[in-house]
Protein backbone atom coordinates (compact mmCIF):
# COMPACT_ATOMS: atom_id res chain seq x y z
CA MET A 1 50.15 56.37 37.07
CA ILE A 2 46.48 57.20 37.06
CA PHE A 3 45.15 59.79 34.63
CA ARG A 4 42.04 61.92 35.09
CA ALA A 5 40.09 64.49 33.06
CA PRO A 6 41.52 68.03 32.91
CA GLU A 7 38.04 69.27 33.79
CA SER A 8 36.54 69.35 37.31
CA PRO A 9 34.45 66.41 38.45
CA LEU A 10 30.71 66.49 37.83
CA GLU A 11 27.96 66.01 40.35
CA ILE A 12 26.00 62.87 39.34
CA PRO A 13 22.46 63.07 40.76
CA GLU A 14 20.90 59.94 42.28
CA VAL A 15 17.87 59.93 39.94
CA ALA A 16 16.17 57.47 37.60
CA LEU A 17 16.99 57.88 33.95
CA THR A 18 13.67 58.86 32.35
CA PRO A 19 12.50 61.46 34.89
CA PHE A 20 16.00 62.97 34.57
CA LEU A 21 15.65 63.27 30.80
CA MET A 22 12.10 64.63 31.11
CA GLU A 23 13.03 67.54 33.33
CA ASN A 24 13.02 70.09 30.52
CA ALA A 25 10.60 68.46 28.06
CA ALA A 26 7.66 70.72 29.03
CA ARG A 27 9.78 73.84 28.66
CA ARG A 28 10.94 72.75 25.20
CA GLY A 29 7.32 72.19 24.22
CA GLU A 30 6.83 71.98 20.48
CA LYS A 31 10.50 71.94 19.66
CA PRO A 32 11.14 68.81 17.46
CA ALA A 33 12.86 66.09 19.44
CA LEU A 34 12.96 63.35 16.75
CA ILE A 35 12.20 63.56 13.07
CA ASP A 36 11.93 60.54 10.78
CA ALA A 37 14.11 61.45 7.82
CA PRO A 38 12.28 59.47 5.08
CA THR A 39 8.80 60.78 6.00
CA GLY A 40 9.33 63.98 7.98
CA ARG A 41 7.14 62.57 10.79
CA THR A 42 7.95 64.68 13.86
CA LEU A 43 7.82 64.02 17.59
CA THR A 44 8.10 67.13 19.74
CA TYR A 45 9.59 67.21 23.24
CA ARG A 46 6.14 67.66 24.79
CA GLY A 47 4.77 64.93 22.57
CA TRP A 48 7.64 62.58 23.50
CA ALA A 49 7.14 63.04 27.29
CA GLU A 50 3.34 62.69 27.04
CA SER A 51 3.64 59.61 24.84
CA VAL A 52 6.10 57.98 27.23
CA ARG A 53 3.62 58.42 30.11
CA ARG A 54 0.70 57.07 28.05
CA ALA A 55 2.70 54.08 26.84
CA ALA A 56 3.91 53.36 30.34
CA ALA A 57 0.28 53.37 31.59
CA GLY A 58 -0.64 51.06 28.81
CA LEU A 59 2.22 48.66 29.50
CA TRP A 60 1.28 48.63 33.17
CA GLN A 61 -2.25 47.59 32.19
CA ARG A 62 -0.74 44.79 30.08
CA GLY A 63 1.14 43.53 33.12
CA LEU A 64 4.65 44.98 32.83
CA ARG A 65 6.24 45.32 36.26
CA LYS A 66 9.51 46.48 37.72
CA GLY A 67 12.35 44.16 36.74
CA ASP A 68 10.54 42.68 33.70
CA VAL A 69 12.74 42.48 30.60
CA PHE A 70 11.31 44.13 27.52
CA ALA A 71 13.04 43.53 24.12
CA ILE A 72 13.04 46.08 21.31
CA TYR A 73 13.83 44.56 17.90
CA SER A 74 13.56 47.50 15.55
CA PRO A 75 15.49 49.93 13.37
CA ASN A 76 15.67 53.60 14.33
CA LEU A 77 12.42 55.55 14.31
CA PRO A 78 11.12 58.36 16.55
CA GLU A 79 8.85 56.01 18.51
CA TYR A 80 11.86 53.95 19.63
CA ALA A 81 12.51 56.65 22.25
CA ILE A 82 8.93 56.30 23.47
CA GLY A 83 9.10 52.55 23.88
CA PHE A 84 12.47 52.60 25.56
CA HIS A 85 11.50 55.22 28.15
CA ALA A 86 8.01 53.88 28.83
CA VAL A 87 9.66 50.69 30.04
CA SER A 88 12.35 52.62 31.94
CA LEU A 89 9.68 54.74 33.70
CA LEU A 90 8.10 51.59 35.10
CA GLY A 91 11.43 50.20 36.36
CA GLY A 92 11.56 47.63 33.55
CA ILE A 93 14.74 46.57 31.75
CA VAL A 94 15.16 47.18 28.03
CA THR A 95 17.22 44.66 26.05
CA THR A 96 17.91 46.14 22.64
CA ILE A 97 18.31 43.70 19.70
CA ASN A 98 19.76 44.17 16.26
CA PRO A 99 16.90 44.02 13.69
CA ALA A 100 19.30 42.23 11.33
CA TYR A 101 19.37 39.21 13.61
CA THR A 102 18.09 35.93 12.27
CA VAL A 103 15.51 33.97 14.22
CA PRO A 104 18.14 31.85 16.04
CA GLU A 105 20.14 34.92 17.04
CA LEU A 106 16.97 36.75 18.23
CA SER A 107 15.72 33.71 20.07
CA ARG A 108 19.07 33.22 21.80
CA GLN A 109 19.07 36.76 23.22
CA LEU A 110 15.44 36.58 24.27
CA ALA A 111 16.12 33.37 26.14
CA ASP A 112 19.33 34.60 27.82
CA ALA A 113 17.72 37.90 28.84
CA ARG A 114 14.56 36.10 30.01
CA ALA A 115 12.48 38.65 28.11
CA ARG A 116 8.71 38.72 28.71
CA TYR A 117 7.79 41.39 26.09
CA LEU A 118 8.96 42.14 22.55
CA LEU A 119 8.40 45.33 20.50
CA THR A 120 9.09 45.30 16.77
CA THR A 121 7.98 46.72 13.42
CA PRO A 122 5.74 45.11 10.79
CA ALA A 123 8.75 44.37 8.55
CA PHE A 124 10.30 42.19 11.29
CA LEU A 125 7.10 40.67 12.72
CA ASP A 126 7.52 37.20 11.18
CA ASN A 127 10.94 36.69 12.83
CA ALA A 128 9.65 38.21 16.05
CA MET A 129 6.65 35.92 16.26
CA GLN A 130 8.73 32.81 15.60
CA ALA A 131 11.31 33.70 18.23
CA ALA A 132 8.57 34.76 20.68
CA GLY A 133 6.86 31.41 20.26
CA GLU A 134 10.10 29.65 21.06
CA ASN A 135 10.44 31.63 24.28
CA ASN A 136 6.85 31.79 25.57
CA LEU A 137 6.76 35.59 25.63
CA HIS A 138 3.89 37.29 27.46
CA ASP A 139 3.26 39.85 24.74
CA VAL A 140 4.46 41.00 21.27
CA LEU A 141 3.79 44.61 20.32
CA VAL A 142 4.20 46.27 16.94
CA PHE A 143 5.03 49.92 16.11
CA GLY A 144 2.20 51.37 14.07
CA ASP A 145 -0.33 48.81 15.37
CA SER A 146 -0.64 47.45 18.92
CA PHE A 147 2.03 49.84 20.27
CA ASP A 148 -0.06 52.75 19.02
CA ASP A 149 -2.97 51.42 21.09
CA LEU A 150 -0.85 52.02 24.17
CA LEU A 151 -0.60 55.70 23.22
CA ALA A 152 -4.38 55.96 23.55
CA SER A 153 -4.20 54.94 27.20
CA ASP A 154 -5.71 57.38 29.67
CA GLY A 155 -4.56 55.45 32.74
CA ASP A 156 -2.32 56.76 35.46
CA VAL A 157 1.38 55.93 35.54
CA PRO A 158 2.09 54.20 38.84
CA SER A 159 4.84 55.48 41.10
CA VAL A 160 7.69 52.93 40.99
CA ALA A 161 10.54 53.15 43.45
CA ILE A 162 13.86 52.95 41.56
CA ASP A 163 17.31 52.58 43.16
CA PRO A 164 19.45 54.32 40.49
CA ALA A 165 22.75 52.74 41.66
CA ASN A 166 21.46 49.18 41.64
CA ASP A 167 18.38 48.89 39.39
CA VAL A 168 19.21 47.88 35.78
CA VAL A 169 17.57 49.86 33.01
CA ALA A 170 19.33 48.65 29.87
CA LEU A 171 20.59 45.23 28.90
CA PRO A 172 22.49 45.46 25.59
CA TYR A 173 24.62 42.52 24.56
CA SER A 174 28.38 42.55 24.11
CA SER A 175 31.13 39.99 23.70
CA GLY A 176 33.36 41.93 26.08
CA THR A 177 36.95 41.03 25.13
CA THR A 178 36.16 37.49 23.95
CA GLY A 179 33.49 34.83 23.65
CA LEU A 180 29.81 34.81 22.84
CA PRO A 181 27.61 37.92 23.48
CA LYS A 182 26.69 38.49 27.13
CA GLY A 183 24.03 40.71 28.70
CA VAL A 184 25.59 43.93 30.00
CA MET A 185 23.69 45.19 33.03
CA LEU A 186 23.61 49.00 32.96
CA THR A 187 21.93 50.82 35.81
CA HIS A 188 20.01 54.11 35.79
CA ARG A 189 23.06 55.75 37.40
CA ASN A 190 25.39 54.30 34.75
CA LEU A 191 23.38 55.97 31.96
CA VAL A 192 22.67 59.21 33.81
CA ALA A 193 26.39 59.54 34.57
CA ASN A 194 27.53 58.91 31.01
CA VAL A 195 24.93 61.27 29.56
CA LEU A 196 26.26 64.00 31.81
CA GLN A 197 29.89 63.07 31.15
CA CYS A 198 29.40 63.19 27.40
CA ALA A 199 27.30 66.35 27.48
CA SER A 200 30.01 68.18 29.40
CA ILE A 201 32.62 67.51 26.65
CA PHE A 202 30.95 66.84 23.27
CA ASP A 203 29.77 70.41 22.64
CA VAL A 204 26.24 69.51 21.44
CA SER A 205 23.31 71.61 22.66
CA GLU A 206 19.69 72.64 22.25
CA ALA A 207 20.70 74.61 19.23
CA ASP A 208 21.94 71.52 17.31
CA THR A 209 20.32 69.17 14.86
CA THR A 210 21.94 65.77 14.90
CA LEU A 211 21.74 62.83 12.52
CA ALA A 212 20.72 59.56 14.10
CA PHE A 213 21.34 56.71 11.63
CA LEU A 214 23.69 54.87 13.98
CA PRO A 215 21.38 52.23 15.54
CA PHE A 216 19.65 52.83 18.86
CA PHE A 217 20.06 49.12 19.72
CA HIS A 218 23.83 49.78 19.84
CA ILE A 219 25.13 51.48 23.03
CA TYR A 220 26.58 54.41 20.98
CA GLY A 221 23.20 55.18 19.45
CA MET A 222 21.29 54.43 22.66
CA VAL A 223 23.21 56.67 25.02
CA VAL A 224 25.41 59.15 23.11
CA ILE A 225 22.86 59.94 20.43
CA MET A 226 19.32 59.23 21.73
CA ASN A 227 19.55 59.79 25.47
CA MET A 228 22.13 62.57 25.44
CA GLY A 229 20.15 64.24 22.68
CA LEU A 230 17.03 64.17 24.82
CA HIS A 231 18.98 65.57 27.76
CA VAL A 232 20.55 68.54 25.94
CA GLY A 233 17.43 69.26 23.86
CA ALA A 234 18.84 68.63 20.37
CA THR A 235 16.68 67.70 17.42
CA MET A 236 17.53 64.20 16.21
CA VAL A 237 16.87 63.20 12.60
CA THR A 238 16.45 59.38 12.55
CA MET A 239 17.13 57.02 9.68
CA PRO A 240 16.15 53.34 9.71
CA ARG A 241 19.42 52.30 8.02
CA PHE A 242 22.53 53.87 6.56
CA ASP A 243 22.62 54.75 2.87
CA LEU A 244 25.20 57.33 1.75
CA LYS A 245 22.93 59.16 -0.67
CA GLU A 246 20.01 59.23 1.80
CA CYS A 247 22.41 60.38 4.55
CA LEU A 248 23.67 63.29 2.43
CA GLN A 249 20.12 64.25 1.56
CA ALA A 250 19.17 64.31 5.20
CA LEU A 251 22.24 66.33 6.11
CA GLU A 252 21.29 68.94 3.52
CA LYS A 253 17.48 68.96 3.98
CA TYR A 254 17.49 69.19 7.76
CA ARG A 255 20.59 71.42 8.02
CA VAL A 256 22.29 69.01 10.35
CA THR A 257 24.92 70.68 12.49
CA TYR A 258 26.36 67.73 14.47
CA GLY A 259 27.05 64.36 12.92
CA TYR A 260 27.65 61.17 14.88
CA ILE A 261 29.46 58.69 12.62
CA VAL A 262 31.86 55.78 12.56
CA PRO A 263 35.21 55.54 10.66
CA PRO A 264 33.88 53.88 7.46
CA ILE A 265 31.41 56.75 7.00
CA MET A 266 34.17 59.27 7.71
CA LEU A 267 36.11 57.60 4.86
CA ALA A 268 33.13 58.09 2.51
CA LEU A 269 32.72 61.69 3.53
CA ALA A 270 36.42 62.27 2.91
CA LYS A 271 36.68 60.56 -0.48
CA ASN A 272 33.36 59.86 -2.17
CA PRO A 273 32.65 62.28 -5.06
CA MET A 274 28.95 62.19 -4.31
CA VAL A 275 29.55 64.47 -1.28
CA ASP A 276 30.22 67.42 -3.58
CA ASP A 277 26.62 67.31 -4.84
CA TYR A 278 25.14 68.41 -1.48
CA ASP A 279 25.18 71.54 0.60
CA LEU A 280 26.65 70.51 3.95
CA THR A 281 27.64 73.97 5.11
CA ALA A 282 25.47 73.73 8.25
CA LEU A 283 27.65 70.88 9.49
CA ARG A 284 30.04 72.12 12.23
CA THR A 285 31.16 68.91 13.93
CA LEU A 286 31.64 65.27 13.13
CA PHE A 287 32.06 62.98 16.11
CA SER A 288 33.50 59.52 15.44
CA GLY A 289 33.33 56.53 17.74
CA ALA A 290 32.95 52.73 17.92
CA ALA A 291 36.25 51.94 16.11
CA PRO A 292 39.73 53.54 15.61
CA LEU A 293 39.80 56.53 13.31
CA SER A 294 42.72 57.27 10.95
CA GLU A 295 44.14 60.74 11.62
CA HIS A 296 44.71 61.19 7.91
CA ILE A 297 41.10 60.40 7.03
CA ALA A 298 39.91 62.69 9.83
CA GLN A 299 42.02 65.57 8.54
CA THR A 300 40.88 64.98 4.91
CA ALA A 301 37.19 64.95 5.88
CA GLY A 302 37.55 67.97 8.14
CA ALA A 303 39.24 69.99 5.40
CA ARG A 304 36.72 68.96 2.74
CA LEU A 305 33.66 69.75 4.88
CA GLY A 306 35.10 72.70 6.82
CA CYS A 307 34.06 71.23 10.11
CA THR A 308 35.59 70.10 13.41
CA ILE A 309 36.50 66.40 13.81
CA THR A 310 36.47 64.82 17.24
CA GLN A 311 36.80 61.23 18.45
CA GLY A 312 35.56 59.27 21.42
CA TYR A 313 36.40 55.86 22.90
CA GLY A 314 34.47 53.41 25.02
CA MET A 315 32.62 50.12 25.07
CA THR A 316 29.21 48.70 25.91
CA GLU A 317 30.49 47.80 29.39
CA THR A 318 31.18 51.49 30.10
CA SER A 319 27.81 52.89 28.93
CA PRO A 320 29.82 53.58 26.57
CA ALA A 321 32.15 56.59 26.66
CA THR A 322 35.36 56.83 28.71
CA HIS A 323 37.68 59.05 26.69
CA SER A 324 37.30 61.86 24.17
CA THR A 325 39.42 64.37 22.28
CA ARG A 326 38.75 68.02 23.03
CA GLY A 327 38.24 70.66 20.38
CA SER A 328 39.28 70.02 16.79
CA HIS A 329 41.70 67.24 17.51
CA ALA A 330 41.22 63.62 16.31
CA ASN A 331 44.69 62.29 17.04
CA GLY A 332 44.34 59.52 19.58
CA ILE A 333 41.26 58.95 21.76
CA GLY A 334 41.86 61.93 24.02
CA ALA A 335 41.79 62.23 27.78
CA PRO A 336 39.38 60.53 30.17
CA LEU A 337 35.93 62.03 30.57
CA PRO A 338 35.15 63.82 33.87
CA ASN A 339 34.70 61.46 36.84
CA THR A 340 36.72 58.80 34.96
CA GLU A 341 40.05 57.42 35.93
CA SER A 342 42.29 55.61 33.41
CA LYS A 343 45.65 53.90 33.47
CA ILE A 344 47.94 51.67 31.45
CA VAL A 345 49.00 48.40 33.00
CA ASN A 346 51.62 45.78 32.14
CA LEU A 347 49.90 42.84 30.38
CA THR A 348 51.83 40.30 32.42
CA THR A 349 52.24 41.79 35.86
CA GLY A 350 49.40 44.26 36.04
CA ALA A 351 51.80 46.97 37.24
CA GLU A 352 50.86 50.56 36.41
CA LEU A 353 52.94 52.06 33.63
CA GLY A 354 53.98 55.64 32.95
CA PRO A 355 53.65 58.01 29.94
CA GLY A 356 54.82 56.49 26.66
CA GLU A 357 54.75 52.93 27.86
CA GLU A 358 52.43 50.47 26.15
CA GLY A 359 50.07 48.15 28.03
CA GLU A 360 46.37 47.45 28.58
CA ILE A 361 44.02 50.39 28.98
CA CYS A 362 41.99 50.21 32.16
CA VAL A 363 39.17 52.51 33.30
CA ARG A 364 37.20 53.20 36.42
CA GLY A 365 34.13 55.45 36.91
CA PRO A 366 30.41 55.73 37.47
CA GLN A 367 29.68 54.54 33.90
CA VAL A 368 31.24 51.10 34.46
CA MET A 369 28.61 48.37 34.25
CA LYS A 370 27.06 46.53 37.18
CA GLY A 371 28.24 43.29 35.58
CA TYR A 372 27.33 40.59 33.08
CA LEU A 373 23.90 39.00 33.38
CA ASN A 374 24.08 35.67 35.19
CA ASN A 375 27.84 35.47 34.54
CA PRO A 376 29.85 36.35 37.69
CA ASP A 377 33.02 34.67 36.29
CA ALA A 378 33.02 36.81 33.15
CA THR A 379 32.31 39.90 35.33
CA ALA A 380 35.27 39.11 37.62
CA ALA A 381 37.51 38.60 34.57
CA MET A 382 36.52 42.06 33.24
CA ILE A 383 36.40 44.13 36.45
CA ASP A 384 39.00 43.59 39.17
CA ARG A 385 38.46 43.90 42.89
CA GLU A 386 39.44 47.57 42.85
CA GLY A 387 36.79 48.40 40.29
CA TRP A 388 39.13 48.69 37.32
CA LEU A 389 37.62 47.54 34.06
CA HIS A 390 40.16 45.92 31.73
CA THR A 391 39.28 47.01 28.22
CA GLY A 392 41.36 44.43 26.29
CA ASP A 393 42.89 47.24 24.22
CA ILE A 394 46.61 47.91 24.15
CA GLY A 395 47.52 51.61 24.33
CA SER A 396 49.63 54.32 25.89
CA ALA A 397 49.24 57.79 27.31
CA ASP A 398 51.40 60.84 26.80
CA GLN A 399 52.49 63.29 29.48
CA SER A 400 49.36 65.42 28.99
CA GLY A 401 47.04 62.49 29.61
CA CYS A 402 45.97 61.90 26.00
CA PHE A 403 45.48 58.19 25.29
CA PHE A 404 46.26 56.26 22.13
CA VAL A 405 45.06 52.77 21.10
CA VAL A 406 47.83 50.86 19.36
CA ASP A 407 46.53 47.30 19.16
CA ARG A 408 43.88 44.93 20.45
CA VAL A 409 44.21 42.22 23.06
CA LYS A 410 40.56 41.43 22.52
CA GLU A 411 39.48 39.03 19.78
CA LEU A 412 36.48 41.00 18.58
CA ILE A 413 36.19 41.95 14.91
CA LYS A 414 34.93 45.51 14.38
CA TYR A 415 32.83 45.73 11.15
CA LYS A 416 31.71 49.30 10.60
CA GLY A 417 31.70 49.78 14.36
CA MET A 418 29.67 46.63 15.00
CA GLN A 419 31.09 43.77 17.12
CA ILE A 420 31.56 40.35 15.64
CA ALA A 421 32.66 37.57 18.04
CA PRO A 422 34.97 35.04 16.32
CA ALA A 423 33.72 32.39 18.74
CA GLU A 424 30.18 32.82 17.50
CA LEU A 425 31.15 32.28 13.87
CA GLU A 426 33.40 29.41 14.78
CA ALA A 427 30.50 27.65 16.46
CA VAL A 428 28.47 28.00 13.28
CA LEU A 429 31.32 26.73 11.14
CA LEU A 430 31.95 23.75 13.40
CA ALA A 431 28.32 22.70 12.98
CA HIS A 432 28.92 22.26 9.25
CA PRO A 433 29.09 18.52 8.55
CA CYS A 434 32.28 18.83 6.45
CA ILE A 435 34.35 20.97 8.84
CA ALA A 436 36.63 19.41 11.44
CA ASP A 437 38.03 22.61 12.93
CA ALA A 438 37.77 26.35 12.33
CA ALA A 439 39.15 29.69 13.40
CA VAL A 440 38.00 33.21 12.53
CA VAL A 441 40.25 36.31 12.47
CA PRO A 442 39.85 39.95 11.35
CA LEU A 443 40.87 40.89 7.87
CA GLU A 444 41.68 44.59 7.41
CA ASP A 445 39.31 46.40 5.04
CA GLU A 446 39.54 50.08 4.13
CA GLU A 447 35.75 50.61 3.89
CA ALA A 448 34.49 48.39 6.77
CA GLY A 449 37.54 48.55 9.08
CA GLN A 450 37.62 44.79 9.50
CA VAL A 451 35.79 41.78 8.03
CA PRO A 452 35.75 38.17 9.20
CA LYS A 453 38.05 35.65 7.54
CA ALA A 454 37.71 31.92 8.34
CA PHE A 455 40.39 29.22 8.34
CA VAL A 456 38.90 25.77 8.15
CA VAL A 457 40.09 22.18 8.38
CA LEU A 458 37.91 19.88 6.23
CA LYS A 459 37.00 16.29 7.12
CA ASP A 460 34.91 15.82 3.97
CA GLU A 461 34.82 17.58 0.59
CA SER A 462 32.95 20.88 0.44
CA THR A 463 33.18 24.01 -1.67
CA LEU A 464 34.00 27.41 -0.17
CA GLU A 465 30.77 28.73 -1.69
CA ASP A 466 28.75 26.10 0.19
CA ILE A 467 30.45 26.97 3.50
CA MET A 468 29.91 30.70 3.01
CA THR A 469 26.24 30.15 2.20
CA TYR A 470 25.83 27.90 5.21
CA VAL A 471 27.18 30.62 7.51
CA ALA A 472 25.21 33.42 5.76
CA ASP A 473 21.91 31.55 6.32
CA ARG A 474 22.53 31.48 10.11
CA VAL A 475 23.90 34.90 11.04
CA ALA A 476 23.02 38.57 10.54
CA ARG A 477 24.32 40.03 7.28
CA TYR A 478 27.12 42.00 8.82
CA LYS A 479 28.57 38.88 10.46
CA ARG A 480 28.96 36.96 7.21
CA VAL A 481 32.36 35.44 6.53
CA ARG A 482 34.02 37.33 3.65
CA GLN A 483 36.96 34.94 2.99
CA ILE A 484 37.66 31.29 3.70
CA GLU A 485 41.01 29.52 3.54
CA VAL A 486 41.45 25.76 3.90
CA ILE A 487 44.46 24.74 5.97
CA ASP A 488 45.76 21.52 7.43
CA GLN A 489 45.65 22.46 11.13
CA ILE A 490 44.38 25.33 13.29
CA PRO A 491 47.33 26.57 15.45
CA ARG A 492 46.60 26.24 19.15
CA SER A 493 48.31 26.75 22.47
CA PRO A 494 49.00 23.78 24.79
CA SER A 495 45.73 24.64 26.58
CA GLY A 496 43.78 24.45 23.30
CA LYS A 497 43.30 28.21 22.75
CA ILE A 498 43.34 29.30 19.12
CA LEU A 499 46.51 31.28 18.29
CA ARG A 500 44.78 33.91 16.19
CA ARG A 501 47.83 36.11 15.91
CA VAL A 502 49.63 33.28 14.10
CA LEU A 503 46.84 33.21 11.54
CA VAL A 504 46.83 37.00 11.20
CA GLU A 505 50.66 36.96 10.68
CA ARG A 506 50.26 34.18 8.13
CA ASP A 507 47.95 36.41 6.11
CA ARG A 508 50.40 39.32 6.26
CA VAL A 509 53.29 37.14 5.04
CA LEU A 510 51.19 35.75 2.17
């Protein structure tokens, strides 16, 4: 049984992303588009559009051409939306990178994406320069320095022919359902479609002020917050990182009406006593995504703040959103978005299942990625010949078409909405001279959702502290292993695949 949105299908225009988002910028004029919360620095809609054109002209003069990959390695700030769209306007491809990445992680993504340019901030310049040197980048630009020189450009922006259905505009990285991070090729049409799909359901408009602390390098921040915000004309208040006190101050100071969050932050808003010290009466909606949301926590937060709680579902490979609840209803992940089909299939046979039956959630629609960069096998494993993307999540649908996620097939660990690939941590652990074998599984955590726990088999003596430090020195902070347990043997299938569920069940029994 195939489920569709209760709403009528939308018309998806065949246009490039940035001109589409710029359509109303001149009319909005001096309305604030992005405000930097710590400093109050403001970028208006007219200023954003003009800056995008100037930066594009400057990048063209520096040699950027259609199809070139341009990396952004930066926390959230208003100018992020200028850099992203200047590249997009020229037909370039933006690969967004977590600023918490270590030099090896940054270098790996630059190499895989074949990036030619890198944009960063002064705080991350040392890492950027080291990784750029390892990859022979054409140019490294810095916000507040060389990037600002682009904004002084008085050159013309060349007319670049863009095929929305086939030309890639964004290349975020995702582990899919398993394995190391892979480049997700998202076209102009993918992003235009998902912006329109989300805007038709999420009830955010030109009258809203939204809080943008969720990172723009992540697909949720990139599309749902930044690009949809630019489309509907909202004012976005950016924060370079999340801090509860600073978040509450921004919510109060800027009279934020629409908050995009993830479940750990919903938990803080529901339970932390600090919340009572701030006036959050302007807040009318909290939208949660990136990880499963407890219905109890949603109800508690909604009652405490007097606002509507909604929830969405998706993944990087779907630009990201595929499902959403409607109205004040956070039970389940809701119905498919307009122009999206969804079904539940048997994990063994692939047969379509009916209401109430549990199986893998599959989706099909204009927001589904073009594929994984240079990885046709992984693409074929994710998207079948009929265009159905297999999410790796186990769920069900009720008679009304509301979907529920009940478990994960995928191996990914979700830490505060961020993906952690067990295979990546296992590769780091296996490089340790005292470790013979290793496996990483999710450990449930009320605040973070999940944290990584490692099981290791030792071949020489080592302390757990030494192993944890070894891993911490080689990965971003959020990926650090939080617990380690030494065991005699890692359980594996006859084909050698780690039996993670056995290890998870072992933890539950203990």
